[in-house]
Amino acid sequence: MVDFLPSHALGIPAVARPAARCSSCSAFLNPYCKVDLQRGLWQCCLCNLVSKFPSEQPLHSPNPG
């Protein structure tokens, strides 16, 4: 059995905006989705629909370079 810790116990900051969701299948944007930061697009990993990021979503890479 694996014990899971809440995000605050791991030091993971909370996000104060709604998560991006696929308009076709309602899946959440996640690490398995393809992302094009240059164009502001992401592709759902479940149904392959390509969507724009919500306007309040920042478009920057956490690992510059």
PDB file of N, CA and C in Angstrom:
ATOM      1  N   MET A   1       0.842  -1.171   0.000  1.00  0.00           N
ATOM      2  CA  MET A   1       0.000   0.000   0.000  1.00  0.00           C
ATOM      3  C   MET A   1       0.895   1.245   0.000  1.00  0.00           C
ATOM      4  N   VAL A   2       0.477   2.249  -0.758  1.00  0.00           N
ATOM      5  CA  VAL A   2       1.230   3.490  -0.873  1.00  0.00           C
ATOM      6  C   VAL A   2       0.436   4.593  -0.191  1.00  0.00           C
ATOM      7  N   ASP A   3       1.103   5.336   0.681  1.00  0.00           N
ATOM      8  CA  ASP A   3       0.469   6.484   1.313  1.00  0.00           C
ATOM      9  C   ASP A   3       0.721   7.715   0.448  1.00  0.00           C
ATOM     10  N   PHE A   4      -0.319   8.470   0.168  1.00  0.00           N
ATOM     11  CA  PHE A   4      -0.193   9.687  -0.605  1.00  0.00           C
ATOM     12  C   PHE A   4      -0.304  10.886   0.327  1.00  0.00           C
ATOM     13  N   LEU A   5       0.558  11.846   0.135  1.00  0.00           N
ATOM     14  CA  LEU A   5       0.549  13.058   0.937  1.00  0.00           C
ATOM     15  C   LEU A   5      -0.215  14.151   0.205  1.00  0.00           C
ATOM     16  N   PRO A   6      -0.902  15.008   0.940  1.00  0.00           N
ATOM     17  CA  PRO A   6      -1.572  16.131   0.280  1.00  0.00           C
ATOM     18  C   PRO A   6      -0.542  17.079  -0.323  1.00  0.00           C
ATOM     19  N   SER A   7      -0.951  17.820  -1.340  1.00  0.00           N
ATOM     20  CA  SER A   7      -0.021  18.678  -2.070  1.00  0.00           C
ATOM     21  C   SER A   7       0.667  19.695  -1.178  1.00  0.00           C
ATOM     22  N   HIS A   8      -0.036  20.240  -0.175  1.00  0.00           N
ATOM     23  CA  HIS A   8       0.598  21.226   0.701  1.00  0.00           C
ATOM     24  C   HIS A   8       1.729  20.611   1.524  1.00  0.00           C
ATOM     25  N   ALA A   9       1.634  19.316   1.846  1.00  0.00           N
ATOM     26  CA  ALA A   9       2.695  18.642   2.596  1.00  0.00           C
ATOM     27  C   ALA A   9       3.944  18.448   1.737  1.00  0.00           C
ATOM     28  N   LEU A  10       3.777  18.435   0.419  1.00  0.00           N
ATOM     29  CA  LEU A  10       4.902  18.264  -0.501  1.00  0.00           C
ATOM     30  C   LEU A  10       5.463  19.598  -0.968  1.00  0.00           C
ATOM     31  N   GLY A  11       4.829  20.689  -0.574  1.00  0.00           N
ATOM     32  CA  GLY A  11       5.294  22.012  -0.989  1.00  0.00           C
ATOM     33  C   GLY A  11       4.883  22.380  -2.399  1.00  0.00           C
ATOM     34  N   ILE A  12       3.849  21.742  -2.929  1.00  0.00           N
ATOM     35  CA  ILE A  12       3.364  22.039  -4.275  1.00  0.00           C
ATOM     36  C   ILE A  12       2.384  23.209  -4.175  1.00  0.00           C
ATOM     37  N   PRO A  13       2.650  24.296  -4.892  1.00  0.00           N
ATOM     38  CA  PRO A  13       1.758  25.459  -4.779  1.00  0.00           C
ATOM     39  C   PRO A  13       0.406  25.202  -5.444  1.00  0.00           C
ATOM     40  N   ALA A  14      -0.633  25.789  -4.877  1.00  0.00           N
ATOM     41  CA  ALA A  14      -1.974  25.686  -5.453  1.00  0.00           C
ATOM     42  C   ALA A  14      -2.094  26.652  -6.618  1.00  0.00           C
ATOM     43  N   VAL A  15      -2.853  26.277  -7.614  1.00  0.00           N
ATOM     44  CA  VAL A  15      -3.093  27.127  -8.775  1.00  0.00           C
ATOM     45  C   VAL A  15      -4.433  27.817  -8.569  1.00  0.00           C
ATOM     46  N   ALA A  16      -4.451  29.127  -8.720  1.00  0.00           N
ATOM     47  CA  ALA A  16      -5.657  29.905  -8.432  1.00  0.00           C
ATOM     48  C   ALA A  16      -6.518  30.167  -9.662  1.00  0.00           C
ATOM     49  N   ARG A  17      -6.398  29.351 -10.684  1.00  0.00           N
ATOM     50  CA  ARG A  17      -7.218  29.510 -11.884  1.00  0.00           C
ATOM     51  C   ARG A  17      -7.766  28.146 -12.281  1.00  0.00           C
ATOM     52  N   PRO A  18      -8.840  28.120 -13.041  1.00  0.00           N
ATOM     53  CA  PRO A  18      -9.388  26.827 -13.457  1.00  0.00           C
ATOM     54  C   PRO A  18      -8.426  26.099 -14.394  1.00  0.00           C
ATOM     55  N   ALA A  19      -8.412  24.805 -14.306  1.00  0.00           N
ATOM     56  CA  ALA A  19      -7.554  23.995 -15.170  1.00  0.00           C
ATOM     57  C   ALA A  19      -8.104  23.988 -16.594  1.00  0.00           C
ATOM     58  N   ALA A  20      -7.207  23.922 -17.573  1.00  0.00           N
ATOM     59  CA  ALA A  20      -7.622  23.828 -18.975  1.00  0.00           C
ATOM     60  C   ALA A  20      -8.250  22.455 -19.205  1.00  0.00           C
ATOM     61  N   ARG A  21      -9.391  22.444 -19.907  1.00  0.00           N
ATOM     62  CA  ARG A  21     -10.091  21.187 -20.183  1.00  0.00           C
ATOM     63  C   ARG A  21     -10.394  21.084 -21.669  1.00  0.00           C
ATOM     64  N   CYS A  22     -10.426  19.875 -22.146  1.00  0.00           N
ATOM     65  CA  CYS A  22     -10.766  19.606 -23.537  1.00  0.00           C
ATOM     66  C   CYS A  22     -12.257  19.873 -23.748  1.00  0.00           C
ATOM     67  N   SER A  23     -12.592  20.612 -24.804  1.00  0.00           N
ATOM     68  CA  SER A  23     -13.996  20.919 -25.067  1.00  0.00           C
ATOM     69  C   SER A  23     -14.742  19.740 -25.689  1.00  0.00           C
ATOM     70  N   SER A  24     -14.018  18.713 -26.111  1.00  0.00           N
ATOM     71  CA  SER A  24     -14.653  17.544 -26.707  1.00  0.00           C
ATOM     72  C   SER A  24     -14.933  16.448 -25.680  1.00  0.00           C
ATOM     73  N   CYS A  25     -13.912  16.068 -24.901  1.00  0.00           N
ATOM     74  CA  CYS A  25     -14.068  14.935 -23.977  1.00  0.00           C
ATOM     75  C   CYS A  25     -13.944  15.318 -22.506  1.00  0.00           C
ATOM     76  N   SER A  26     -13.676  16.600 -22.215  1.00  0.00           N
ATOM     77  CA  SER A  26     -13.554  17.150 -20.854  1.00  0.00           C
ATOM     78  C   SER A  26     -12.322  16.680 -20.089  1.00  0.00           C
ATOM     79  N   ALA A  27     -11.355  16.098 -20.775  1.00  0.00           N
ATOM     80  CA  ALA A  27     -10.105  15.707 -20.114  1.00  0.00           C
ATOM     81  C   ALA A  27      -9.349  16.963 -19.699  1.00  0.00           C
ATOM     82  N   PHE A  28      -8.542  16.849 -18.648  1.00  0.00           N
ATOM     83  CA  PHE A  28      -7.712  17.964 -18.196  1.00  0.00           C
ATOM     84  C   PHE A  28      -6.404  18.008 -18.966  1.00  0.00           C
ATOM     85  N   LEU A  29      -5.880  19.196 -19.180  1.00  0.00           N
ATOM     86  CA  LEU A  29      -4.530  19.355 -19.710  1.00  0.00           C
ATOM     87  C   LEU A  29      -3.585  18.693 -18.713  1.00  0.00           C
ATOM     88  N   ASN A  30      -2.724  17.808 -19.184  1.00  0.00           N
ATOM     89  CA  ASN A  30      -1.848  17.052 -18.297  1.00  0.00           C
ATOM     90  C   ASN A  30      -0.520  16.788 -18.993  1.00  0.00           C
ATOM     91  N   PRO A  31       0.445  16.202 -18.300  1.00  0.00           N
ATOM     92  CA  PRO A  31       1.775  15.993 -18.892  1.00  0.00           C
ATOM     93  C   PRO A  31       1.804  15.095 -20.130  1.00  0.00           C
ATOM     94  N   TYR A  32       0.739  14.352 -20.389  1.00  0.00           N
ATOM     95  CA  TYR A  32       0.706  13.471 -21.552  1.00  0.00           C
ATOM     96  C   TYR A  32       0.183  14.168 -22.806  1.00  0.00           C
ATOM     97  N   CYS A  33      -0.311  15.384 -22.667  1.00  0.00           N
ATOM     98  CA  CYS A  33      -0.808  16.158 -23.808  1.00  0.00           C
ATOM     99  C   CYS A  33       0.358  16.805 -24.548  1.00  0.00           C
ATOM    100  N   LYS A  34       0.214  16.933 -25.853  1.00  0.00           N
ATOM    101  CA  LYS A  34       1.205  17.661 -26.653  1.00  0.00           C
ATOM    102  C   LYS A  34       0.892  19.140 -26.547  1.00  0.00           C
ATOM    103  N   VAL A  35       1.931  19.954 -26.362  1.00  0.00           N
ATOM    104  CA  VAL A  35       1.759  21.385 -26.157  1.00  0.00           C
ATOM    105  C   VAL A  35       2.624  22.152 -27.152  1.00  0.00           C
ATOM    106  N   ASP A  36       2.052  23.176 -27.768  1.00  0.00           N
ATOM    107  CA  ASP A  36       2.781  24.083 -28.646  1.00  0.00           C
ATOM    108  C   ASP A  36       2.715  25.468 -28.022  1.00  0.00           C
ATOM    109  N   LEU A  37       3.745  25.838 -27.246  1.00  0.00           N
ATOM    110  CA  LEU A  37       3.759  27.118 -26.546  1.00  0.00           C
ATOM    111  C   LEU A  37       3.874  28.291 -27.506  1.00  0.00           C
ATOM    112  N   GLN A  38       4.529  28.089 -28.653  1.00  0.00           N
ATOM    113  CA  GLN A  38       4.676  29.164 -29.643  1.00  0.00           C
ATOM    114  C   GLN A  38       3.313  29.630 -30.157  1.00  0.00           C
ATOM    115  N   ARG A  39       2.436  28.680 -30.431  1.00  0.00           N
ATOM    116  CA  ARG A  39       1.115  28.992 -30.987  1.00  0.00           C
ATOM    117  C   ARG A  39       0.023  29.065 -29.925  1.00  0.00           C
ATOM    118  N   GLY A  40       0.329  28.643 -28.693  1.00  0.00           N
ATOM    119  CA  GLY A  40      -0.676  28.651 -27.626  1.00  0.00           C
ATOM    120  C   GLY A  40      -1.714  27.562 -27.782  1.00  0.00           C
ATOM    121  N   LEU A  41      -1.273  26.391 -28.273  1.00  0.00           N
ATOM    122  CA  LEU A  41      -2.186  25.272 -28.513  1.00  0.00           C
ATOM    123  C   LEU A  41      -1.771  24.048 -27.708  1.00  0.00           C
ATOM    124  N   TRP A  42      -2.748  23.178 -27.429  1.00  0.00           N
ATOM    125  CA  TRP A  42      -2.443  21.891 -26.820  1.00  0.00           C
ATOM    126  C   TRP A  42      -3.365  20.840 -27.421  1.00  0.00           C
ATOM    127  N   GLN A  43      -2.866  19.600 -27.489  1.00  0.00           N
ATOM    128  CA  GLN A  43      -3.621  18.501 -28.090  1.00  0.00           C
ATOM    129  C   GLN A  43      -3.999  17.509 -27.001  1.00  0.00           C
ATOM    130  N   CYS A  44      -5.273  17.210 -26.894  1.00  0.00           N
ATOM    131  CA  CYS A  44      -5.771  16.267 -25.898  1.00  0.00           C
ATOM    132  C   CYS A  44      -5.181  14.883 -26.150  1.00  0.00           C
ATOM    133  N   CYS A  45      -4.702  14.246 -25.103  1.00  0.00           N
ATOM    134  CA  CYS A  45      -4.097  12.922 -25.249  1.00  0.00           C
ATOM    135  C   CYS A  45      -5.150  11.813 -25.311  1.00  0.00           C
ATOM    136  N   LEU A  46      -6.414  12.142 -25.070  1.00  0.00           N
ATOM    137  CA  LEU A  46      -7.470  11.129 -25.127  1.00  0.00           C
ATOM    138  C   LEU A  46      -8.222  11.139 -26.452  1.00  0.00           C
ATOM    139  N   CYS A  47      -8.593  12.343 -26.935  1.00  0.00           N
ATOM    140  CA  CYS A  47      -9.390  12.403 -28.169  1.00  0.00           C
ATOM    141  C   CYS A  47      -8.666  13.113 -29.309  1.00  0.00           C
ATOM    142  N   ASN A  48      -7.470  13.648 -29.058  1.00  0.00           N
ATOM    143  CA  ASN A  48      -6.624  14.314 -30.048  1.00  0.00           C
ATOM    144  C   ASN A  48      -7.142  15.664 -30.552  1.00  0.00           C
ATOM    145  N   LEU A  49      -8.160  16.232 -29.912  1.00  0.00           N
ATOM    146  CA  LEU A  49      -8.632  17.552 -30.301  1.00  0.00           C
ATOM    147  C   LEU A  49      -7.562  18.584 -29.958  1.00  0.00           C
ATOM    148  N   VAL A  50      -7.316  19.518 -30.874  1.00  0.00           N
ATOM    149  CA  VAL A  50      -6.364  20.601 -30.633  1.00  0.00           C
ATOM    150  C   VAL A  50      -7.150  21.818 -30.160  1.00  0.00           C
ATOM    151  N   SER A  51      -6.720  22.388 -29.028  1.00  0.00           N
ATOM    152  CA  SER A  51      -7.416  23.522 -28.419  1.00  0.00           C
ATOM    153  C   SER A  51      -6.438  24.645 -28.114  1.00  0.00           C
ATOM    154  N   LYS A  52      -6.981  25.859 -27.999  1.00  0.00           N
ATOM    155  CA  LYS A  52      -6.182  26.996 -27.553  1.00  0.00           C
ATOM    156  C   LYS A  52      -6.150  26.990 -26.032  1.00  0.00           C
ATOM    157  N   PHE A  53      -5.057  27.533 -25.471  1.00  0.00           N
ATOM    158  CA  PHE A  53      -5.003  27.716 -24.030  1.00  0.00           C
ATOM    159  C   PHE A  53      -6.033  28.769 -23.643  1.00  0.00           C
ATOM    160  N   PRO A  54      -6.640  28.637 -22.463  1.00  0.00           N
ATOM    161  CA  PRO A  54      -7.523  29.708 -22.000  1.00  0.00           C
ATOM    162  C   PRO A  54      -6.741  31.015 -21.913  1.00  0.00           C
ATOM    163  N   SER A  55      -7.402  32.139 -22.095  1.00  0.00           N
ATOM    164  CA  SER A  55      -6.706  33.430 -22.124  1.00  0.00           C
ATOM    165  C   SER A  55      -6.007  33.742 -20.810  1.00  0.00           C
ATOM    166  N   GLU A  56      -6.492  33.191 -19.674  1.00  0.00           N
ATOM    167  CA  GLU A  56      -5.847  33.453 -18.392  1.00  0.00           C
ATOM    168  C   GLU A  56      -4.678  32.507 -18.110  1.00  0.00           C
ATOM    169  N   GLN A  57      -4.445  31.541 -18.982  1.00  0.00           N
ATOM    170  CA  GLN A  57      -3.354  30.569 -18.806  1.00  0.00           C
ATOM    171  C   GLN A  57      -2.034  31.176 -19.283  1.00  0.00           C
ATOM    172  N   PRO A  58      -0.991  31.205 -18.432  1.00  0.00           N
ATOM    173  CA  PRO A  58       0.293  31.756 -18.898  1.00  0.00           C
ATOM    174  C   PRO A  58       0.939  30.824 -19.904  1.00  0.00           C
ATOM    175  N   LEU A  59       1.557  31.397 -20.916  1.00  0.00           N
ATOM    176  CA  LEU A  59       2.204  30.599 -21.956  1.00  0.00           C
ATOM    177  C   LEU A  59       3.711  30.739 -21.842  1.00  0.00           C
ATOM    178  N   HIS A  60       4.289  30.079 -20.873  1.00  0.00           N
ATOM    179  CA  HIS A  60       5.738  30.079 -20.725  1.00  0.00           C
ATOM    180  C   HIS A  60       6.181  28.695 -20.283  1.00  0.00           C
ATOM    181  N   SER A  61       7.382  28.377 -20.623  1.00  0.00           N
ATOM    182  CA  SER A  61       7.965  27.095 -20.256  1.00  0.00           C
ATOM    183  C   SER A  61       8.613  27.210 -18.897  1.00  0.00           C
ATOM    184  N   PRO A  62       8.406  26.215 -17.998  1.00  0.00           N
ATOM    185  CA  PRO A  62       9.058  26.267 -16.703  1.00  0.00           C
ATOM    186  C   PRO A  62      10.563  26.060 -16.792  1.00  0.00           C
ATOM    187  N   ASN A  63      11.047  25.515 -17.913  1.00  0.00           N
ATOM    188  CA  ASN A  63      12.468  25.260 -18.127  1.00  0.00           C
ATOM    189  C   ASN A  63      12.956  26.052 -19.323  1.00  0.00           C
ATOM    190  N   PRO A  64      13.260  27.346 -19.152  1.00  0.00           N
ATOM    191  CA  PRO A  64      13.698  28.147 -20.302  1.00  0.00           C
ATOM    192  C   PRO A  64      14.972  27.638 -20.919  1.00  0.00           C
ATOM    193  N   GLY A  65      15.089  27.832 -22.224  1.00  0.00           N
ATOM    194  CA  GLY A  65      16.314  27.458 -22.909  1.00  0.00           C
ATOM    195  C   GLY A  65      16.085  26.355 -23.777  1.00  0.00           C
TER     196      GLY A  65
END
